[in-house]
Protein backbone atom coordinates (compact mmCIF):
# COMPACT_ATOMS: atom_id res chain seq x y z
CA UNK A 1 0.00 0.00 0.00
CA UNK A 2 1.32 3.41 -0.94
CA UNK A 3 0.90 6.29 1.49
CA UNK A 4 0.65 9.32 -0.81
CA UNK A 5 0.85 11.86 2.03
CA UNK A 6 4.35 10.80 3.15
CA UNK A 7 6.05 13.27 0.82
CA UNK A 8 4.23 16.09 2.67
CA UNK A 9 5.19 15.18 6.23
CA UNK A 10 8.74 16.53 6.19
CA UNK A 11 12.17 14.94 6.31
CA UNK A 12 12.04 13.74 9.91
CA UNK A 13 8.58 12.23 9.46
CA UNK A 14 9.72 10.49 6.28
CA UNK A 15 12.76 9.04 8.04
CA UNK A 16 10.59 7.66 10.84
CA UNK A 17 8.04 6.30 8.36
CA UNK A 18 10.79 4.47 6.45
CA UNK A 19 12.21 3.12 9.71
CA UNK A 20 8.80 1.81 10.81
CA UNK A 21 8.04 0.43 7.36
CA UNK A 22 11.23 -1.60 7.46
CA UNK A 23 11.34 -2.57 11.13
CA UNK A 24 7.75 -2.55 12.36
CA UNK A 25 5.24 -2.60 9.49
CA UNK A 26 2.49 -3.79 11.86
CA UNK A 27 2.51 -0.36 13.52
CA UNK A 28 2.07 1.36 10.16
CA UNK A 29 -0.76 -0.97 9.19
CA UNK A 30 -2.56 -0.40 12.51
CA UNK A 31 -2.24 3.38 12.14
CA UNK A 32 -3.49 3.17 8.55
CA UNK A 33 -6.57 1.29 9.77
CA UNK A 34 -7.14 3.82 12.56
CA UNK A 35 -6.56 6.75 10.21
CA UNK A 36 -3.86 8.17 12.48
CA UNK A 37 -0.67 7.62 10.47
CA UNK A 38 -0.51 10.96 8.68
CA UNK A 39 -1.16 13.02 11.83
CA UNK A 40 1.31 10.91 13.83
CA UNK A 41 4.06 11.50 11.27
CA UNK A 42 3.22 15.20 10.94
CA UNK A 43 3.37 15.65 14.72
CA UNK A 44 6.61 13.68 14.97
CA UNK A 45 8.15 15.77 12.20
CA UNK A 46 7.17 18.99 14.01
CA UNK A 47 8.60 17.73 17.31
CA UNK A 48 11.83 16.65 15.64
CA UNK A 49 12.23 20.04 13.90
CA UNK A 50 11.65 21.87 17.17
CA UNK A 51 14.09 19.60 19.00
CA UNK A 52 16.70 20.11 16.26
CA UNK A 53 16.36 23.90 16.39
CA UNK A 54 16.44 24.07 20.20
CA UNK A 55 19.44 21.76 20.59
CA UNK A 56 21.33 23.57 17.84
CA UNK A 57 20.78 26.93 19.59
CA UNK A 58 21.82 25.46 22.92
CA UNK A 59 25.03 23.95 21.53
CA UNK A 60 25.87 27.20 19.72
CA UNK A 61 25.52 29.05 23.01
CA UNK A 62 27.43 26.49 25.06
CA UNK A 63 30.31 26.39 22.60
CA UNK A 64 30.44 30.15 22.17
CA UNK A 65 29.91 30.23 18.43
CA UNK A 66 29.13 33.84 17.65
CA UNK A 67 28.31 36.11 14.75
CA UNK A 68 31.70 37.68 15.44
CA UNK A 69 33.39 34.35 14.71
CA UNK A 70 31.30 34.07 11.55
CA UNK A 71 32.53 37.50 10.42
CA UNK A 72 36.17 36.90 11.37
CA UNK A 73 36.67 33.28 10.37
CA UNK A 74 33.87 31.93 8.23
CA UNK A 75 35.60 28.61 7.54
CA UNK A 76 35.95 27.89 11.27
CA UNK A 77 32.35 28.98 11.91
CA UNK A 78 31.04 26.64 9.18
CA UNK A 79 33.17 23.79 10.53
CA UNK A 80 31.86 24.25 14.07
CA UNK A 81 28.25 24.62 12.91
CA UNK A 82 28.53 21.45 10.81
CA UNK A 83 29.90 19.60 13.82
CA UNK A 84 27.00 20.78 15.97
CA UNK A 85 24.43 19.90 13.33
CA UNK A 86 25.86 16.40 12.92
CA UNK A 87 25.69 15.81 16.70
CA UNK A 88 22.17 17.19 16.94
CA UNK A 89 20.98 15.05 14.02
CA UNK A 90 22.37 12.04 15.85
CA UNK A 91 20.48 12.98 19.02
CA UNK A 92 17.18 13.61 17.21
CA UNK A 93 17.55 10.35 15.31
CA UNK A 94 18.22 8.41 18.52
CA UNK A 95 15.47 10.08 20.56
CA UNK A 96 12.64 10.38 18.03
CA UNK A 97 13.29 8.84 14.64
CA UNK A 98 14.91 5.42 14.95
CA UNK A 99 12.97 4.07 17.90
PDB file of N, CA and C in Angstrom:
ATOM      1  N   UNK A   1       0.841  -1.185   0.000  1.00  0.00           N
ATOM      2  CA  UNK A   1       0.000   0.000   0.000  1.00  0.00           C
ATOM      3  C   UNK A   1       0.880   1.241   0.000  1.00  0.00           C
ATOM      4  N   UNK A   2       0.539   2.176  -0.836  1.00  0.00           N
ATOM      5  CA  UNK A   2       1.317   3.408  -0.944  1.00  0.00           C
ATOM      6  C   UNK A   2       0.632   4.504  -0.145  1.00  0.00           C
ATOM      7  N   UNK A   3       1.410   5.176   0.694  1.00  0.00           N
ATOM      8  CA  UNK A   3       0.904   6.290   1.488  1.00  0.00           C
ATOM      9  C   UNK A   3       1.296   7.586   0.792  1.00  0.00           C
ATOM     10  N   UNK A   4       0.381   8.141   0.028  1.00  0.00           N
ATOM     11  CA  UNK A   4       0.646   9.318  -0.807  1.00  0.00           C
ATOM     12  C   UNK A   4       1.082  10.537   0.001  1.00  0.00           C
ATOM     13  N   UNK A   5       0.591  10.674   1.218  1.00  0.00           N
ATOM     14  CA  UNK A   5       0.852  11.861   2.030  1.00  0.00           C
ATOM     15  C   UNK A   5       2.281  11.935   2.560  1.00  0.00           C
ATOM     16  N   UNK A   6       3.029  10.848   2.516  1.00  0.00           N
ATOM     17  CA  UNK A   6       4.347  10.804   3.150  1.00  0.00           C
ATOM     18  C   UNK A   6       5.273  11.896   2.632  1.00  0.00           C
ATOM     19  N   UNK A   7       5.175  12.229   1.366  1.00  0.00           N
ATOM     20  CA  UNK A   7       6.050  13.268   0.819  1.00  0.00           C
ATOM     21  C   UNK A   7       5.754  14.642   1.409  1.00  0.00           C
ATOM     22  N   UNK A   8       4.609  14.797   2.079  1.00  0.00           N
ATOM     23  CA  UNK A   8       4.234  16.085   2.668  1.00  0.00           C
ATOM     24  C   UNK A   8       4.567  16.200   4.154  1.00  0.00           C
ATOM     25  N   UNK A   9       5.023  15.139   4.784  1.00  0.00           N
ATOM     26  CA  UNK A   9       5.192  15.184   6.233  1.00  0.00           C
ATOM     27  C   UNK A   9       6.540  15.727   6.692  1.00  0.00           C
ATOM     28  N   UNK A  10       7.439  15.993   5.809  1.00  0.00           N
ATOM     29  CA  UNK A  10       8.742  16.529   6.190  1.00  0.00           C
ATOM     30  C   UNK A  10       9.795  15.442   6.307  1.00  0.00           C
ATOM     31  N   UNK A  11      11.037  15.871   6.313  1.00  0.00           N
ATOM     32  CA  UNK A  11      12.175  14.942   6.309  1.00  0.00           C
ATOM     33  C   UNK A  11      12.188  14.011   7.508  1.00  0.00           C
ATOM     34  N   UNK A  12      11.988  14.563   8.701  1.00  0.00           N
ATOM     35  CA  UNK A  12      12.042  13.741   9.914  1.00  0.00           C
ATOM     36  C   UNK A  12      10.915  12.717   9.910  1.00  0.00           C
ATOM     37  N   UNK A  13       9.720  13.144   9.528  1.00  0.00           N
ATOM     38  CA  UNK A  13       8.583  12.232   9.457  1.00  0.00           C
ATOM     39  C   UNK A  13       8.808  11.130   8.437  1.00  0.00           C
ATOM     40  N   UNK A  14       9.419  11.482   7.318  1.00  0.00           N
ATOM     41  CA  UNK A  14       9.716  10.488   6.282  1.00  0.00           C
ATOM     42  C   UNK A  14      10.739   9.477   6.777  1.00  0.00           C
ATOM     43  N   UNK A  15      11.748   9.960   7.499  1.00  0.00           N
ATOM     44  CA  UNK A  15      12.762   9.037   8.045  1.00  0.00           C
ATOM     45  C   UNK A  15      12.119   8.036   9.000  1.00  0.00           C
ATOM     46  N   UNK A  16      11.248   8.543   9.870  1.00  0.00           N
ATOM     47  CA  UNK A  16      10.592   7.657  10.841  1.00  0.00           C
ATOM     48  C   UNK A  16       9.654   6.677  10.135  1.00  0.00           C
ATOM     49  N   UNK A  17       8.921   7.164   9.144  1.00  0.00           N
ATOM     50  CA  UNK A  17       8.036   6.296   8.360  1.00  0.00           C
ATOM     51  C   UNK A  17       8.840   5.155   7.735  1.00  0.00           C
ATOM     52  N   UNK A  18       9.967   5.494   7.096  1.00  0.00           N
ATOM     53  CA  UNK A  18      10.787   4.468   6.449  1.00  0.00           C
ATOM     54  C   UNK A  18      11.353   3.481   7.466  1.00  0.00           C
ATOM     55  N   UNK A  19      11.721   3.989   8.651  1.00  0.00           N
ATOM     56  CA  UNK A  19      12.212   3.116   9.708  1.00  0.00           C
ATOM     57  C   UNK A  19      11.112   2.143  10.143  1.00  0.00           C
ATOM     58  N   UNK A  20       9.915   2.671  10.397  1.00  0.00           N
ATOM     59  CA  UNK A  20       8.804   1.812  10.813  1.00  0.00           C
ATOM     60  C   UNK A  20       8.431   0.818   9.725  1.00  0.00           C
ATOM     61  N   UNK A  21       8.407   1.285   8.489  1.00  0.00           N
ATOM     62  CA  UNK A  21       8.035   0.427   7.361  1.00  0.00           C
ATOM     63  C   UNK A  21       8.969  -0.779   7.281  1.00  0.00           C
ATOM     64  N   UNK A  22      10.241  -0.530   7.539  1.00  0.00           N
ATOM     65  CA  UNK A  22      11.230  -1.601   7.459  1.00  0.00           C
ATOM     66  C   UNK A  22      11.240  -2.478   8.710  1.00  0.00           C
ATOM     67  N   UNK A  23      11.120  -1.852   9.887  1.00  0.00           N
ATOM     68  CA  UNK A  23      11.337  -2.569  11.135  1.00  0.00           C
ATOM     69  C   UNK A  23      10.071  -2.944  11.908  1.00  0.00           C
ATOM     70  N   UNK A  24       8.974  -2.275  11.621  1.00  0.00           N
ATOM     71  CA  UNK A  24       7.749  -2.551  12.359  1.00  0.00           C
ATOM     72  C   UNK A  24       6.519  -2.220  11.500  1.00  0.00           C
ATOM     73  N   UNK A  25       6.342  -2.921  10.397  1.00  0.00           N
ATOM     74  CA  UNK A  25       5.238  -2.601   9.491  1.00  0.00           C
ATOM     75  C   UNK A  25       3.859  -2.781  10.136  1.00  0.00           C
ATOM     76  N   UNK A  26       3.771  -3.592  11.179  1.00  0.00           N
ATOM     77  CA  UNK A  26       2.492  -3.785  11.863  1.00  0.00           C
ATOM     78  C   UNK A  26       1.982  -2.472  12.441  1.00  0.00           C
ATOM     79  N   UNK A  27       2.890  -1.653  12.965  1.00  0.00           N
ATOM     80  CA  UNK A  27       2.508  -0.357  13.519  1.00  0.00           C
ATOM     81  C   UNK A  27       1.926   0.525  12.421  1.00  0.00           C
ATOM     82  N   UNK A  28       2.571   0.552  11.280  1.00  0.00           N
ATOM     83  CA  UNK A  28       2.072   1.360  10.159  1.00  0.00           C
ATOM     84  C   UNK A  28       0.695   0.868   9.724  1.00  0.00           C
ATOM     85  N   UNK A  29       0.532  -0.425   9.619  1.00  0.00           N
ATOM     86  CA  UNK A  29      -0.764  -0.966   9.194  1.00  0.00           C
ATOM     87  C   UNK A  29      -1.866  -0.638  10.201  1.00  0.00           C
ATOM     88  N   UNK A  30      -1.570  -0.730  11.487  1.00  0.00           N
ATOM     89  CA  UNK A  30      -2.560  -0.400  12.512  1.00  0.00           C
ATOM     90  C   UNK A  30      -2.945   1.074  12.440  1.00  0.00           C
ATOM     91  N   UNK A  31      -1.945   1.950  12.240  1.00  0.00           N
ATOM     92  CA  UNK A  31      -2.238   3.379  12.139  1.00  0.00           C
ATOM     93  C   UNK A  31      -3.019   3.693  10.864  1.00  0.00           C
ATOM     94  N   UNK A  32      -2.711   2.990   9.783  1.00  0.00           N
ATOM     95  CA  UNK A  32      -3.494   3.170   8.550  1.00  0.00           C
ATOM     96  C   UNK A  32      -4.956   2.849   8.825  1.00  0.00           C
ATOM     97  N   UNK A  33      -5.195   1.709   9.482  1.00  0.00           N
ATOM     98  CA  UNK A  33      -6.567   1.289   9.765  1.00  0.00           C
ATOM     99  C   UNK A  33      -7.283   2.281  10.678  1.00  0.00           C
ATOM    100  N   UNK A  34      -6.556   2.844  11.635  1.00  0.00           N
ATOM    101  CA  UNK A  34      -7.136   3.822  12.561  1.00  0.00           C
ATOM    102  C   UNK A  34      -7.241   5.218  11.954  1.00  0.00           C
ATOM    103  N   UNK A  35      -6.559   5.432  10.832  1.00  0.00           N
ATOM    104  CA  UNK A  35      -6.562   6.751  10.210  1.00  0.00           C
ATOM    105  C   UNK A  35      -5.689   7.763  10.938  1.00  0.00           C
ATOM    106  N   UNK A  36      -4.689   7.279  11.664  1.00  0.00           N
ATOM    107  CA  UNK A  36      -3.856   8.168  12.479  1.00  0.00           C
ATOM    108  C   UNK A  36      -2.429   8.331  11.963  1.00  0.00           C
ATOM    109  N   UNK A  37      -2.066   7.630  10.929  1.00  0.00           N
ATOM    110  CA  UNK A  37      -0.673   7.615  10.475  1.00  0.00           C
ATOM    111  C   UNK A  37      -0.184   8.991  10.022  1.00  0.00           C
ATOM    112  N   UNK A  38      -0.960   9.663   9.193  1.00  0.00           N
ATOM    113  CA  UNK A  38      -0.506  10.961   8.681  1.00  0.00           C
ATOM    114  C   UNK A  38      -0.322  11.972   9.811  1.00  0.00           C
ATOM    115  N   UNK A  39      -1.275  12.059  10.721  1.00  0.00           N
ATOM    116  CA  UNK A  39      -1.164  13.020  11.830  1.00  0.00           C
ATOM    117  C   UNK A  39      -0.007  12.656  12.744  1.00  0.00           C
ATOM    118  N   UNK A  40       0.189  11.370  13.003  1.00  0.00           N
ATOM    119  CA  UNK A  40       1.308  10.912  13.831  1.00  0.00           C
ATOM    120  C   UNK A  40       2.642  11.360  13.226  1.00  0.00           C
ATOM    121  N   UNK A  41       2.807  11.134  11.929  1.00  0.00           N
ATOM    122  CA  UNK A  41       4.065  11.496  11.271  1.00  0.00           C
ATOM    123  C   UNK A  41       4.238  13.011  11.200  1.00  0.00           C
ATOM    124  N   UNK A  42       3.157  13.731  10.979  1.00  0.00           N
ATOM    125  CA  UNK A  42       3.216  15.195  10.940  1.00  0.00           C
ATOM    126  C   UNK A  42       3.634  15.740  12.305  1.00  0.00           C
ATOM    127  N   UNK A  43       3.027  15.221  13.366  1.00  0.00           N
ATOM    128  CA  UNK A  43       3.370  15.651  14.723  1.00  0.00           C
ATOM    129  C   UNK A  43       4.819  15.298  15.060  1.00  0.00           C
ATOM    130  N   UNK A  44       5.237  14.093  14.701  1.00  0.00           N
ATOM    131  CA  UNK A  44       6.607  13.679  14.970  1.00  0.00           C
ATOM    132  C   UNK A  44       7.593  14.578  14.228  1.00  0.00           C
ATOM    133  N   UNK A  45       7.285  14.896  12.986  1.00  0.00           N
ATOM    134  CA  UNK A  45       8.154  15.770  12.203  1.00  0.00           C
ATOM    135  C   UNK A  45       8.279  17.139  12.868  1.00  0.00           C
ATOM    136  N   UNK A  46       7.163  17.687  13.320  1.00  0.00           N
ATOM    137  CA  UNK A  46       7.168  18.989  14.005  1.00  0.00           C
ATOM    138  C   UNK A  46       8.015  18.920  15.282  1.00  0.00           C
ATOM    139  N   UNK A  47       7.820  17.880  16.077  1.00  0.00           N
ATOM    140  CA  UNK A  47       8.595  17.726  17.307  1.00  0.00           C
ATOM    141  C   UNK A  47      10.082  17.591  17.023  1.00  0.00           C
ATOM    142  N   UNK A  48      10.415  16.841  15.993  1.00  0.00           N
ATOM    143  CA  UNK A  48      11.826  16.648  15.636  1.00  0.00           C
ATOM    144  C   UNK A  48      12.447  17.961  15.164  1.00  0.00           C
ATOM    145  N   UNK A  49      11.708  18.737  14.361  1.00  0.00           N
ATOM    146  CA  UNK A  49      12.231  20.036  13.904  1.00  0.00           C
ATOM    147  C   UNK A  49      12.464  20.970  15.082  1.00  0.00           C
ATOM    148  N   UNK A  50      11.507  21.010  15.993  1.00  0.00           N
ATOM    149  CA  UNK A  50      11.654  21.871  17.165  1.00  0.00           C
ATOM    150  C   UNK A  50      12.825  21.431  18.031  1.00  0.00           C
ATOM    151  N   UNK A  51      12.975  20.128  18.220  1.00  0.00           N
ATOM    152  CA  UNK A  51      14.093  19.604  18.999  1.00  0.00           C
ATOM    153  C   UNK A  51      15.423  19.951  18.326  1.00  0.00           C
ATOM    154  N   UNK A  52      15.481  19.787  17.009  1.00  0.00           N
ATOM    155  CA  UNK A  52      16.703  20.106  16.263  1.00  0.00           C
ATOM    156  C   UNK A  52      17.075  21.578  16.442  1.00  0.00           C
ATOM    157  N   UNK A  53      16.101  22.467  16.271  1.00  0.00           N
ATOM    158  CA  UNK A  53      16.363  23.904  16.392  1.00  0.00           C
ATOM    159  C   UNK A  53      16.805  24.274  17.810  1.00  0.00           C
ATOM    160  N   UNK A  54      16.114  23.756  18.803  1.00  0.00           N
ATOM    161  CA  UNK A  54      16.437  24.069  20.198  1.00  0.00           C
ATOM    162  C   UNK A  54      17.829  23.569  20.569  1.00  0.00           C
ATOM    163  N   UNK A  55      18.121  22.315  20.260  1.00  0.00           N
ATOM    164  CA  UNK A  55      19.437  21.764  20.595  1.00  0.00           C
ATOM    165  C   UNK A  55      20.551  22.490  19.853  1.00  0.00           C
ATOM    166  N   UNK A  56      20.315  22.839  18.602  1.00  0.00           N
ATOM    167  CA  UNK A  56      21.328  23.574  17.844  1.00  0.00           C
ATOM    168  C   UNK A  56      21.627  24.907  18.517  1.00  0.00           C
ATOM    169  N   UNK A  57      20.580  25.650  18.896  1.00  0.00           N
ATOM    170  CA  UNK A  57      20.781  26.933  19.586  1.00  0.00           C
ATOM    171  C   UNK A  57      21.513  26.747  20.902  1.00  0.00           C
ATOM    172  N   UNK A  58      21.159  25.702  21.638  1.00  0.00           N
ATOM    173  CA  UNK A  58      21.816  25.456  22.920  1.00  0.00           C
ATOM    174  C   UNK A  58      23.297  25.137  22.740  1.00  0.00           C
ATOM    175  N   UNK A  59      23.628  24.279  21.778  1.00  0.00           N
ATOM    176  CA  UNK A  59      25.031  23.951  21.527  1.00  0.00           C
ATOM    177  C   UNK A  59      25.820  25.173  21.057  1.00  0.00           C
ATOM    178  N   UNK A  60      25.208  25.976  20.196  1.00  0.00           N
ATOM    179  CA  UNK A  60      25.870  27.198  19.719  1.00  0.00           C
ATOM    180  C   UNK A  60      26.217  28.084  20.909  1.00  0.00           C
ATOM    181  N   UNK A  61      25.272  28.231  21.825  1.00  0.00           N
ATOM    182  CA  UNK A  61      25.516  29.046  23.011  1.00  0.00           C
ATOM    183  C   UNK A  61      26.572  28.445  23.922  1.00  0.00           C
ATOM    184  N   UNK A  62      26.472  27.158  24.173  1.00  0.00           N
ATOM    185  CA  UNK A  62      27.430  26.486  25.062  1.00  0.00           C
ATOM    186  C   UNK A  62      28.855  26.528  24.524  1.00  0.00           C
ATOM    187  N   UNK A  63      28.982  26.439  23.215  1.00  0.00           N
ATOM    188  CA  UNK A  63      30.306  26.387  22.604  1.00  0.00           C
ATOM    189  C   UNK A  63      30.805  27.764  22.170  1.00  0.00           C
ATOM    190  N   UNK A  64      30.008  28.789  22.432  1.00  0.00           N
ATOM    191  CA  UNK A  64      30.444  30.151  22.169  1.00  0.00           C
ATOM    192  C   UNK A  64      30.635  30.496  20.707  1.00  0.00           C
ATOM    193  N   UNK A  65      29.820  29.923  19.862  1.00  0.00           N
ATOM    194  CA  UNK A  65      29.909  30.226  18.433  1.00  0.00           C
ATOM    195  C   UNK A  65      29.086  31.487  18.189  1.00  0.00           C
ATOM    196  N   UNK A  66      29.756  32.526  17.744  1.00  0.00           N
ATOM    197  CA  UNK A  66      29.128  33.839  17.648  1.00  0.00           C
ATOM    198  C   UNK A  66      29.098  34.363  16.212  1.00  0.00           C
ATOM    199  N   UNK A  67      28.326  35.415  16.035  1.00  0.00           N
ATOM    200  CA  UNK A  67      28.310  36.111  14.752  1.00  0.00           C
ATOM    201  C   UNK A  67      29.675  36.762  14.497  1.00  0.00           C
ATOM    202  N   UNK A  68      30.355  37.109  15.568  1.00  0.00           N
ATOM    203  CA  UNK A  68      31.697  37.677  15.443  1.00  0.00           C
ATOM    204  C   UNK A  68      32.648  36.658  14.821  1.00  0.00           C
ATOM    205  N   UNK A  69      32.573  35.411  15.292  1.00  0.00           N
ATOM    206  CA  UNK A  69      33.386  34.347  14.707  1.00  0.00           C
ATOM    207  C   UNK A  69      33.030  34.174  13.232  1.00  0.00           C
ATOM    208  N   UNK A  70      31.756  34.222  12.936  1.00  0.00           N
ATOM    209  CA  UNK A  70      31.301  34.070  11.554  1.00  0.00           C
ATOM    210  C   UNK A  70      31.917  35.160  10.665  1.00  0.00           C
ATOM    211  N   UNK A  71      31.969  36.389  11.185  1.00  0.00           N
ATOM    212  CA  UNK A  71      32.529  37.503  10.416  1.00  0.00           C
ATOM    213  C   UNK A  71      34.043  37.401  10.289  1.00  0.00           C
ATOM    214  N   UNK A  72      34.701  36.931  11.355  1.00  0.00           N
ATOM    215  CA  UNK A  72      36.173  36.898  11.368  1.00  0.00           C
ATOM    216  C   UNK A  72      36.769  35.663  10.700  1.00  0.00           C
ATOM    217  N   UNK A  73      36.101  34.523  10.877  1.00  0.00           N
ATOM    218  CA  UNK A  73      36.674  33.280  10.368  1.00  0.00           C
ATOM    219  C   UNK A  73      35.534  32.365   9.919  1.00  0.00           C
ATOM    220  N   UNK A  74      35.044  32.636   8.725  1.00  0.00           N
ATOM    221  CA  UNK A  74      33.868  31.925   8.232  1.00  0.00           C
ATOM    222  C   UNK A  74      34.109  30.430   8.104  1.00  0.00           C
ATOM    223  N   UNK A  75      35.294  30.032   7.709  1.00  0.00           N
ATOM    224  CA  UNK A  75      35.598  28.609   7.543  1.00  0.00           C
ATOM    225  C   UNK A  75      35.483  27.894   8.890  1.00  0.00           C
ATOM    226  N   UNK A  76      36.033  28.486   9.932  1.00  0.00           N
ATOM    227  CA  UNK A  76      35.953  27.890  11.271  1.00  0.00           C
ATOM    228  C   UNK A  76      34.504  27.847  11.755  1.00  0.00           C
ATOM    229  N   UNK A  77      33.757  28.927  11.499  1.00  0.00           N
ATOM    230  CA  UNK A  77      32.355  28.984  11.909  1.00  0.00           C
ATOM    231  C   UNK A  77      31.554  27.865  11.231  1.00  0.00           C
ATOM    232  N   UNK A  78      31.740  27.691   9.921  1.00  0.00           N
ATOM    233  CA  UNK A  78      31.042  26.639   9.184  1.00  0.00           C
ATOM    234  C   UNK A  78      31.432  25.268   9.725  1.00  0.00           C
ATOM    235  N   UNK A  79      32.692  25.067   9.990  1.00  0.00           N
ATOM    236  CA  UNK A  79      33.169  23.793  10.531  1.00  0.00           C
ATOM    237  C   UNK A  79      32.506  23.479  11.874  1.00  0.00           C
ATOM    238  N   UNK A  80      32.473  24.466  12.755  1.00  0.00           N
ATOM    239  CA  UNK A  80      31.865  24.251  14.067  1.00  0.00           C
ATOM    240  C   UNK A  80      30.355  24.043  13.965  1.00  0.00           C
ATOM    241  N   UNK A  81      29.695  24.788  13.090  1.00  0.00           N
ATOM    242  CA  UNK A  81      28.249  24.619  12.909  1.00  0.00           C
ATOM    243  C   UNK A  81      27.929  23.238  12.323  1.00  0.00           C
ATOM    244  N   UNK A  82      28.737  22.780  11.374  1.00  0.00           N
ATOM    245  CA  UNK A  82      28.528  21.447  10.805  1.00  0.00           C
ATOM    246  C   UNK A  82      28.710  20.367  11.861  1.00  0.00           C
ATOM    247  N   UNK A  83      29.683  20.553  12.736  1.00  0.00           N
ATOM    248  CA  UNK A  83      29.903  19.605  13.824  1.00  0.00           C
ATOM    249  C   UNK A  83      28.692  19.556  14.749  1.00  0.00           C
ATOM    250  N   UNK A  84      28.186  20.715  15.105  1.00  0.00           N
ATOM    251  CA  UNK A  84      27.001  20.777  15.971  1.00  0.00           C
ATOM    252  C   UNK A  84      25.800  20.127  15.285  1.00  0.00           C
ATOM    253  N   UNK A  85      25.572  20.459  14.039  1.00  0.00           N
ATOM    254  CA  UNK A  85      24.428  19.897  13.325  1.00  0.00           C
ATOM    255  C   UNK A  85      24.514  18.375  13.242  1.00  0.00           C
ATOM    256  N   UNK A  86      25.695  17.852  12.999  1.00  0.00           N
ATOM    257  CA  UNK A  86      25.859  16.401  12.924  1.00  0.00           C
ATOM    258  C   UNK A  86      25.530  15.751  14.275  1.00  0.00           C
ATOM    259  N   UNK A  87      25.988  16.358  15.368  1.00  0.00           N
ATOM    260  CA  UNK A  87      25.692  15.810  16.696  1.00  0.00           C
ATOM    261  C   UNK A  87      24.202  15.892  17.000  1.00  0.00           C
ATOM    262  N   UNK A  88      23.597  17.011  16.656  1.00  0.00           N
ATOM    263  CA  UNK A  88      22.170  17.195  16.936  1.00  0.00           C
ATOM    264  C   UNK A  88      21.329  16.232  16.100  1.00  0.00           C
ATOM    265  N   UNK A  89      21.690  16.033  14.853  1.00  0.00           N
ATOM    266  CA  UNK A  89      20.979  15.054  14.024  1.00  0.00           C
ATOM    267  C   UNK A  89      21.048  13.679  14.670  1.00  0.00           C
ATOM    268  N   UNK A  90      22.215  13.320  15.171  1.00  0.00           N
ATOM    269  CA  UNK A  90      22.369  12.038  15.852  1.00  0.00           C
ATOM    270  C   UNK A  90      21.461  11.915  17.067  1.00  0.00           C
ATOM    271  N   UNK A  91      21.337  12.990  17.833  1.00  0.00           N
ATOM    272  CA  UNK A  91      20.477  12.981  19.018  1.00  0.00           C
ATOM    273  C   UNK A  91      19.010  12.859  18.619  1.00  0.00           C
ATOM    274  N   UNK A  92      18.576  13.664  17.654  1.00  0.00           N
ATOM    275  CA  UNK A  92      17.180  13.607  17.213  1.00  0.00           C
ATOM    276  C   UNK A  92      16.852  12.231  16.635  1.00  0.00           C
ATOM    277  N   UNK A  93      17.756  11.689  15.863  1.00  0.00           N
ATOM    278  CA  UNK A  93      17.547  10.354  15.308  1.00  0.00           C
ATOM    279  C   UNK A  93      17.381   9.327  16.431  1.00  0.00           C
ATOM    280  N   UNK A  94      18.252   9.381  17.423  1.00  0.00           N
ATOM    281  CA  UNK A  94      18.223   8.407  18.520  1.00  0.00           C
ATOM    282  C   UNK A  94      16.995   8.571  19.406  1.00  0.00           C
ATOM    283  N   UNK A  95      16.573   9.808  19.628  1.00  0.00           N
ATOM    284  CA  UNK A  95      15.471  10.076  20.564  1.00  0.00           C
ATOM    285  C   UNK A  95      14.086   9.971  19.926  1.00  0.00           C
ATOM    286  N   UNK A  96      13.965  10.305  18.643  1.00  0.00           N
ATOM    287  CA  UNK A  96      12.636  10.379  18.030  1.00  0.00           C
ATOM    288  C   UNK A  96      12.456   9.542  16.763  1.00  0.00           C
ATOM    289  N   UNK A  97      13.480   9.404  15.975  1.00  0.00           N
ATOM    290  CA  UNK A  97      13.290   8.838  14.637  1.00  0.00           C
ATOM    291  C   UNK A  97      13.483   7.324  14.582  1.00  0.00           C
ATOM    292  N   UNK A  98      14.601   6.841  15.073  1.00  0.00           N
ATOM    293  CA  UNK A  98      14.911   5.416  14.946  1.00  0.00           C
ATOM    294  C   UNK A  98      14.636   4.676  16.242  1.00  0.00           C
ATOM    295  N   UNK A  99      13.384   4.784  16.673  1.00  0.00           N
ATOM    296  CA  UNK A  99      12.970   4.066  17.897  1.00  0.00           C
ATOM    297  C   UNK A  99      11.713   3.269  17.622  1.00  0.00           C
TER     298      UNK A  99
END
